[in-house]
Amino acid sequence: NGFNWNYGNNFPLRGAKSTLWEGGVRAAG
């Protein structure tokens, strides 16, 4: 949503890069 000028997506996980919510640290791998 524009954080760091970017528009990636973690949905439905919560949060974003730089956070310790699942959306910040649970990775595609």
PDB file of all heavy atoms in Angstrom:
ATOM      1  N   ASN A   1       0.800  -1.237   0.000  1.00  0.00           N
ATOM      2  CA  ASN A   1       0.000   0.000   0.000  1.00  0.00           C
ATOM      3  C   ASN A   1       0.828   1.281   0.000  1.00  0.00           C
ATOM      4  O   ASN A   1       0.498   2.250   0.670  1.00  0.00           O
ATOM      5  CB  ASN A   1      -0.960   0.013   1.195  1.00  0.00           C
ATOM      6  CG  ASN A   1      -2.134  -0.922   0.998  1.00  0.00           C
ATOM      7  OD1 ASN A   1      -2.058  -1.873   0.225  1.00  0.00           O
ATOM      8  ND2 ASN A   1      -3.237  -0.660   1.686  1.00  0.00           N
ATOM      9  N   GLY A   2       1.926   1.277  -0.750  1.00  0.00           N
ATOM     10  CA  GLY A   2       2.746   2.476  -0.865  1.00  0.00           C
ATOM     11  C   GLY A   2       3.833   2.595   0.180  1.00  0.00           C
ATOM     12  O   GLY A   2       4.658   3.527   0.119  1.00  0.00           O
ATOM     13  N   PHE A   3       3.875   1.693   1.160  1.00  0.00           N
ATOM     14  CA  PHE A   3       4.966   1.703   2.128  1.00  0.00           C
ATOM     15  C   PHE A   3       6.275   1.476   1.374  1.00  0.00           C
ATOM     16  O   PHE A   3       6.406   0.554   0.586  1.00  0.00           O
ATOM     17  CB  PHE A   3       4.728   0.600   3.164  1.00  0.00           C
ATOM     18  CG  PHE A   3       5.866   0.368   4.127  1.00  0.00           C
ATOM     19  CD1 PHE A   3       6.611   1.413   4.640  1.00  0.00           C
ATOM     20  CD2 PHE A   3       6.188  -0.917   4.536  1.00  0.00           C
ATOM     21  CE1 PHE A   3       7.650   1.196   5.525  1.00  0.00           C
ATOM     22  CE2 PHE A   3       7.222  -1.162   5.424  1.00  0.00           C
ATOM     23  CZ  PHE A   3       7.955  -0.094   5.920  1.00  0.00           C
ATOM     24  N   ASN A   4       7.240   2.349   1.615  1.00  0.00           N
ATOM     25  CA  ASN A   4       8.525   2.278   0.916  1.00  0.00           C
ATOM     26  C   ASN A   4       8.332   2.372  -0.594  1.00  0.00           C
ATOM     27  O   ASN A   4       9.093   1.799  -1.368  1.00  0.00           O
ATOM     28  CB  ASN A   4       9.254   0.974   1.285  1.00  0.00           C
ATOM     29  CG  ASN A   4      10.756   1.084   1.111  1.00  0.00           C
ATOM     30  OD1 ASN A   4      11.323   2.154   1.247  1.00  0.00           O
ATOM     31  ND2 ASN A   4      11.396  -0.028   0.798  1.00  0.00           N
ATOM     32  N   TRP A   5       7.276   3.094  -1.017  1.00  0.00           N
ATOM     33  CA  TRP A   5       6.935   3.348  -2.426  1.00  0.00           C
ATOM     34  C   TRP A   5       6.547   2.082  -3.178  1.00  0.00           C
ATOM     35  O   TRP A   5       6.567   2.049  -4.409  1.00  0.00           O
ATOM     36  CB  TRP A   5       8.095   4.028  -3.170  1.00  0.00           C
ATOM     37  CG  TRP A   5       8.620   5.268  -2.529  1.00  0.00           C
ATOM     38  CD1 TRP A   5       7.931   6.186  -1.810  1.00  0.00           C
ATOM     39  CD2 TRP A   5       9.971   5.731  -2.551  1.00  0.00           C
ATOM     40  NE1 TRP A   5       8.758   7.191  -1.375  1.00  0.00           N
ATOM     41  CE2 TRP A   5      10.015   6.940  -1.818  1.00  0.00           C
ATOM     42  CE3 TRP A   5      11.140   5.248  -3.119  1.00  0.00           C
ATOM     43  CZ2 TRP A   5      11.193   7.666  -1.645  1.00  0.00           C
ATOM     44  CZ3 TRP A   5      12.309   5.974  -2.939  1.00  0.00           C
ATOM     45  CH2 TRP A   5      12.329   7.170  -2.213  1.00  0.00           C
ATOM     46  N   ASN A   6       6.198   1.022  -2.447  1.00  0.00           N
ATOM     47  CA  ASN A   6       5.978  -0.251  -3.123  1.00  0.00           C
ATOM     48  C   ASN A   6       4.547  -0.740  -2.964  1.00  0.00           C
ATOM     49  O   ASN A   6       3.797  -0.248  -2.119  1.00  0.00           O
ATOM     50  CB  ASN A   6       6.960  -1.306  -2.612  1.00  0.00           C
ATOM     51  CG  ASN A   6       7.438  -2.227  -3.710  1.00  0.00           C
ATOM     52  OD1 ASN A   6       6.703  -2.538  -4.635  1.00  0.00           O
ATOM     53  ND2 ASN A   6       8.680  -2.670  -3.608  1.00  0.00           N
ATOM     54  N   TYR A   7       4.194  -1.760  -3.775  1.00  0.00           N
ATOM     55  CA  TYR A   7       2.835  -2.300  -3.779  1.00  0.00           C
ATOM     56  C   TYR A   7       2.838  -3.823  -3.866  1.00  0.00           C
ATOM     57  O   TYR A   7       2.128  -4.417  -4.651  1.00  0.00           O
ATOM     58  CB  TYR A   7       2.011  -1.674  -4.912  1.00  0.00           C
ATOM     59  CG  TYR A   7       1.488  -0.317  -4.527  1.00  0.00           C
ATOM     60  CD1 TYR A   7       2.272   0.826  -4.714  1.00  0.00           C
ATOM     61  CD2 TYR A   7       0.253  -0.168  -3.906  1.00  0.00           C
ATOM     62  CE1 TYR A   7       1.827   2.074  -4.323  1.00  0.00           C
ATOM     63  CE2 TYR A   7      -0.202   1.080  -3.506  1.00  0.00           C
ATOM     64  CZ  TYR A   7       0.576   2.197  -3.712  1.00  0.00           C
ATOM     65  OH  TYR A   7       0.135   3.431  -3.307  1.00  0.00           O
ATOM     66  N   GLY A   8       3.668  -4.446  -3.017  1.00  0.00           N
ATOM     67  CA  GLY A   8       3.596  -5.885  -2.883  1.00  0.00           C
ATOM     68  C   GLY A   8       2.384  -6.258  -2.043  1.00  0.00           C
ATOM     69  O   GLY A   8       1.623  -5.401  -1.579  1.00  0.00           O
ATOM     70  N   ASN A   9       2.205  -7.570  -1.798  1.00  0.00           N
ATOM     71  CA  ASN A   9       1.015  -7.992  -1.081  1.00  0.00           C
ATOM     72  C   ASN A   9       1.266  -9.264  -0.273  1.00  0.00           C
ATOM     73  O   ASN A   9       1.884 -10.206  -0.775  1.00  0.00           O
ATOM     74  CB  ASN A   9      -0.138  -8.222  -2.061  1.00  0.00           C
ATOM     75  CG  ASN A   9      -1.461  -8.309  -1.339  1.00  0.00           C
ATOM     76  OD1 ASN A   9      -2.004  -9.385  -1.170  1.00  0.00           O
ATOM     77  ND2 ASN A   9      -1.972  -7.180  -0.885  1.00  0.00           N
ATOM     78  N   ASN A  10       0.781  -9.258   0.972  1.00  0.00           N
ATOM     79  CA  ASN A  10       0.923 -10.406   1.863  1.00  0.00           C
ATOM     80  C   ASN A  10      -0.419 -11.033   2.230  1.00  0.00           C
ATOM     81  O   ASN A  10      -0.462 -11.976   3.020  1.00  0.00           O
ATOM     82  CB  ASN A  10       1.611  -9.980   3.167  1.00  0.00           C
ATOM     83  CG  ASN A  10       2.952  -9.337   2.929  1.00  0.00           C
ATOM     84  OD1 ASN A  10       3.797  -9.884   2.234  1.00  0.00           O
ATOM     85  ND2 ASN A  10       3.158  -8.149   3.493  1.00  0.00           N
ATOM     86  N   PHE A  11      -1.500 -10.533   1.686  1.00  0.00           N
ATOM     87  CA  PHE A  11      -2.837 -10.957   2.090  1.00  0.00           C
ATOM     88  C   PHE A  11      -3.023 -12.463   1.901  1.00  0.00           C
ATOM     89  O   PHE A  11      -2.539 -13.022   0.907  1.00  0.00           O
ATOM     90  CB  PHE A  11      -3.868 -10.195   1.244  1.00  0.00           C
ATOM     91  CG  PHE A  11      -5.268 -10.270   1.765  1.00  0.00           C
ATOM     92  CD1 PHE A  11      -5.649  -9.498   2.843  1.00  0.00           C
ATOM     93  CD2 PHE A  11      -6.190 -11.124   1.185  1.00  0.00           C
ATOM     94  CE1 PHE A  11      -6.938  -9.565   3.330  1.00  0.00           C
ATOM     95  CE2 PHE A  11      -7.477 -11.198   1.672  1.00  0.00           C
ATOM     96  CZ  PHE A  11      -7.853 -10.415   2.745  1.00  0.00           C
ATOM     97  N   PRO A  12      -3.683 -13.158   2.827  1.00  0.00           N
ATOM     98  CA  PRO A  12      -4.430 -12.632   3.973  1.00  0.00           C
ATOM     99  C   PRO A  12      -3.613 -12.490   5.259  1.00  0.00           C
ATOM    100  O   PRO A  12      -4.171 -12.236   6.319  1.00  0.00           O
ATOM    101  CB  PRO A  12      -5.516 -13.689   4.157  1.00  0.00           C
ATOM    102  CG  PRO A  12      -4.822 -14.966   3.817  1.00  0.00           C
ATOM    103  CD  PRO A  12      -3.906 -14.621   2.674  1.00  0.00           C
ATOM    104  N   LEU A  13      -2.294 -12.687   5.171  1.00  0.00           N
ATOM    105  CA  LEU A  13      -1.475 -12.523   6.361  1.00  0.00           C
ATOM    106  C   LEU A  13      -1.496 -11.075   6.834  1.00  0.00           C
ATOM    107  O   LEU A  13      -1.663 -10.148   6.039  1.00  0.00           O
ATOM    108  CB  LEU A  13      -0.041 -12.971   6.084  1.00  0.00           C
ATOM    109  CG  LEU A  13       0.161 -14.443   5.691  1.00  0.00           C
ATOM    110  CD1 LEU A  13       1.635 -14.734   5.492  1.00  0.00           C
ATOM    111  CD2 LEU A  13      -0.439 -15.378   6.729  1.00  0.00           C
ATOM    112  N   ARG A  14      -1.273 -10.904   8.099  1.00  0.00           N
ATOM    113  CA  ARG A  14      -1.331  -9.583   8.714  1.00  0.00           C
ATOM    114  C   ARG A  14       0.009  -8.871   8.600  1.00  0.00           C
ATOM    115  O   ARG A  14       1.067  -9.486   8.692  1.00  0.00           O
ATOM    116  CB  ARG A  14      -1.714  -9.735  10.191  1.00  0.00           C
ATOM    117  CG  ARG A  14      -1.973  -8.432  10.923  1.00  0.00           C
ATOM    118  CD  ARG A  14      -2.460  -8.707  12.337  1.00  0.00           C
ATOM    119  NE  ARG A  14      -2.833  -7.465  13.013  1.00  0.00           N
ATOM    120  CZ  ARG A  14      -3.328  -7.399  14.254  1.00  0.00           C
ATOM    121  NH1 ARG A  14      -3.500  -8.516  14.947  1.00  0.00           N
ATOM    122  NH2 ARG A  14      -3.645  -6.232  14.795  1.00  0.00           N
ATOM    123  N   GLY A  15      -0.034  -7.553   8.395  1.00  0.00           N
ATOM    124  CA  GLY A  15       1.167  -6.748   8.478  1.00  0.00           C
ATOM    125  C   GLY A  15       1.942  -6.615   7.184  1.00  0.00           C
ATOM    126  O   GLY A  15       1.470  -6.968   6.105  1.00  0.00           O
ATOM    127  N   ALA A  16       3.153  -6.096   7.302  1.00  0.00           N
ATOM    128  CA  ALA A  16       3.980  -5.744   6.150  1.00  0.00           C
ATOM    129  C   ALA A  16       5.447  -5.900   6.498  1.00  0.00           C
ATOM    130  O   ALA A  16       5.810  -6.219   7.637  1.00  0.00           O
ATOM    131  CB  ALA A  16       3.692  -4.296   5.745  1.00  0.00           C
ATOM    132  N   LYS A  17       6.263  -5.677   5.507  1.00  0.00           N
ATOM    133  CA  LYS A  17       7.714  -5.600   5.717  1.00  0.00           C
ATOM    134  C   LYS A  17       8.020  -4.726   6.928  1.00  0.00           C
ATOM    135  O   LYS A  17       7.308  -3.759   7.207  1.00  0.00           O
ATOM    136  CB  LYS A  17       8.360  -5.012   4.465  1.00  0.00           C
ATOM    137  CG  LYS A  17       9.839  -4.683   4.614  1.00  0.00           C
ATOM    138  CD  LYS A  17      10.384  -3.996   3.379  1.00  0.00           C
ATOM    139  CE  LYS A  17      11.844  -3.609   3.579  1.00  0.00           C
ATOM    140  NZ  LYS A  17      12.451  -3.033   2.371  1.00  0.00           N
ATOM    141  N   SER A  18       9.064  -5.038   7.631  1.00  0.00           N
ATOM    142  CA  SER A  18       9.549  -4.328   8.817  1.00  0.00           C
ATOM    143  C   SER A  18       8.787  -4.671  10.081  1.00  0.00           C
ATOM    144  O   SER A  18       9.210  -4.310  11.175  1.00  0.00           O
ATOM    145  CB  SER A  18       9.543  -2.799   8.629  1.00  0.00           C
ATOM    146  OG  SER A  18      10.378  -2.423   7.566  1.00  0.00           O
ATOM    147  N   THR A  19       7.643  -5.370   9.966  1.00  0.00           N
ATOM    148  CA  THR A  19       6.904  -5.793  11.148  1.00  0.00           C
ATOM    149  C   THR A  19       7.193  -7.254  11.451  1.00  0.00           C
ATOM    150  O   THR A  19       7.675  -8.000  10.587  1.00  0.00           O
ATOM    151  CB  THR A  19       5.387  -5.629  10.958  1.00  0.00           C
ATOM    152  OG1 THR A  19       4.876  -6.682  10.116  1.00  0.00           O
ATOM    153  CG2 THR A  19       5.039  -4.277  10.360  1.00  0.00           C
ATOM    154  N   LEU A  20       6.838  -7.657  12.660  1.00  0.00           N
ATOM    155  CA  LEU A  20       6.981  -9.057  13.063  1.00  0.00           C
ATOM    156  C   LEU A  20       5.658  -9.812  12.963  1.00  0.00           C
ATOM    157  O   LEU A  20       5.553 -10.954  13.408  1.00  0.00           O
ATOM    158  CB  LEU A  20       7.550  -9.142  14.476  1.00  0.00           C
ATOM    159  CG  LEU A  20       9.003  -8.661  14.597  1.00  0.00           C
ATOM    160  CD1 LEU A  20       9.451  -8.614  16.052  1.00  0.00           C
ATOM    161  CD2 LEU A  20       9.933  -9.547  13.790  1.00  0.00           C
ATOM    162  N   TRP A  21       4.646  -9.181  12.368  1.00  0.00           N
ATOM    163  CA  TRP A  21       3.438  -9.906  12.005  1.00  0.00           C
ATOM    164  C   TRP A  21       3.787 -10.931  10.934  1.00  0.00           C
ATOM    165  O   TRP A  21       4.821 -10.827  10.272  1.00  0.00           O
ATOM    166  CB  TRP A  21       2.371  -8.937  11.491  1.00  0.00           C
ATOM    167  CG  TRP A  21       1.925  -7.923  12.501  1.00  0.00           C
ATOM    168  CD1 TRP A  21       2.207  -6.589  12.507  1.00  0.00           C
ATOM    169  CD2 TRP A  21       1.114  -8.165  13.658  1.00  0.00           C
ATOM    170  NE1 TRP A  21       1.639  -5.987  13.597  1.00  0.00           N
ATOM    171  CE2 TRP A  21       0.960  -6.933  14.322  1.00  0.00           C
ATOM    172  CE3 TRP A  21       0.521  -9.307  14.193  1.00  0.00           C
ATOM    173  CZ2 TRP A  21       0.219  -6.813  15.500  1.00  0.00           C
ATOM    174  CZ3 TRP A  21      -0.215  -9.182  15.370  1.00  0.00           C
ATOM    175  CH2 TRP A  21      -0.363  -7.945  16.006  1.00  0.00           C
ATOM    176  N   GLU A  22       2.900 -11.910  10.746  1.00  0.00           N
ATOM    177  CA  GLU A  22       3.176 -12.977   9.782  1.00  0.00           C
ATOM    178  C   GLU A  22       3.485 -12.420   8.396  1.00  0.00           C
ATOM    179  O   GLU A  22       4.326 -12.954   7.672  1.00  0.00           O
ATOM    180  CB  GLU A  22       2.000 -13.952   9.715  1.00  0.00           C
ATOM    181  CG  GLU A  22       1.778 -14.761  10.981  1.00  0.00           C
ATOM    182  CD  GLU A  22       2.888 -15.759  11.266  1.00  0.00           C
ATOM    183  OE1 GLU A  22       2.910 -16.835  10.634  1.00  0.00           O
ATOM    184  OE2 GLU A  22       3.729 -15.452  12.137  1.00  0.00           O
ATOM    185  N   GLY A  23       2.815 -11.347   8.000  1.00  0.00           N
ATOM    186  CA  GLY A  23       3.072 -10.754   6.691  1.00  0.00           C
ATOM    187  C   GLY A  23       4.460 -10.187   6.536  1.00  0.00           C
ATOM    188  O   GLY A  23       4.932  -9.985   5.412  1.00  0.00           O
ATOM    189  N   GLY A  24       5.139  -9.914   7.644  1.00  0.00           N
ATOM    190  CA  GLY A  24       6.492  -9.381   7.576  1.00  0.00           C
ATOM    191  C   GLY A  24       7.572 -10.435   7.600  1.00  0.00           C
ATOM    192  O   GLY A  24       8.666 -10.213   7.067  1.00  0.00           O
ATOM    193  N   VAL A  25       7.270 -11.597   8.220  1.00  0.00           N
ATOM    194  CA  VAL A  25       8.338 -12.576   8.460  1.00  0.00           C
ATOM    195  C   VAL A  25       8.047 -13.994   7.962  1.00  0.00           C
ATOM    196  O   VAL A  25       8.950 -14.835   7.951  1.00  0.00           O
ATOM    197  CB  VAL A  25       8.692 -12.643   9.967  1.00  0.00           C
ATOM    198  CG1 VAL A  25       9.318 -11.345  10.436  1.00  0.00           C
ATOM    199  CG2 VAL A  25       7.467 -12.999  10.816  1.00  0.00           C
ATOM    200  N   ARG A  26       6.834 -14.275   7.563  1.00  0.00           N
ATOM    201  CA  ARG A  26       6.531 -15.606   7.017  1.00  0.00           C
ATOM    202  C   ARG A  26       6.713 -15.531   5.509  1.00  0.00           C
ATOM    203  O   ARG A  26       5.976 -14.840   4.818  1.00  0.00           O
ATOM    204  CB  ARG A  26       5.112 -16.020   7.378  1.00  0.00           C
ATOM    205  CG  ARG A  26       4.795 -17.484   7.110  1.00  0.00           C
ATOM    206  CD  ARG A  26       3.484 -17.850   7.777  1.00  0.00           C
ATOM    207  NE  ARG A  26       3.039 -19.190   7.467  1.00  0.00           N
ATOM    208  CZ  ARG A  26       1.932 -19.742   7.971  1.00  0.00           C
ATOM    209  NH1 ARG A  26       1.186 -19.044   8.818  1.00  0.00           N
ATOM    210  NH2 ARG A  26       1.579 -20.963   7.638  1.00  0.00           N
ATOM    211  N   ALA A  27       7.705 -16.228   5.005  1.00  0.00           N
ATOM    212  CA  ALA A  27       8.180 -15.971   3.648  1.00  0.00           C
ATOM    213  C   ALA A  27       7.668 -16.984   2.642  1.00  0.00           C
ATOM    214  O   ALA A  27       7.382 -18.143   2.968  1.00  0.00           O
ATOM    215  CB  ALA A  27       9.708 -15.984   3.623  1.00  0.00           C
ATOM    216  N   ALA A  28       7.575 -16.536   1.407  1.00  0.00           N
ATOM    217  CA  ALA A  28       7.382 -17.444   0.280  1.00  0.00           C
ATOM    218  C   ALA A  28       8.698 -18.171   0.044  1.00  0.00           C
ATOM    219  O   ALA A  28       9.730 -17.533  -0.199  1.00  0.00           O
ATOM    220  CB  ALA A  28       6.976 -16.656  -0.964  1.00  0.00           C
ATOM    221  N   GLY A  29       8.669 -19.497   0.125  1.00  0.00           N
ATOM    222  CA  GLY A  29       9.903 -20.253  -0.036  1.00  0.00           C
ATOM    223  C   GLY A  29       9.645 -21.688  -0.436  1.00  0.00           C
ATOM    224  O   GLY A  29       8.578 -22.245  -0.173  1.00  0.00           O
TER     225      GLY A  29
END
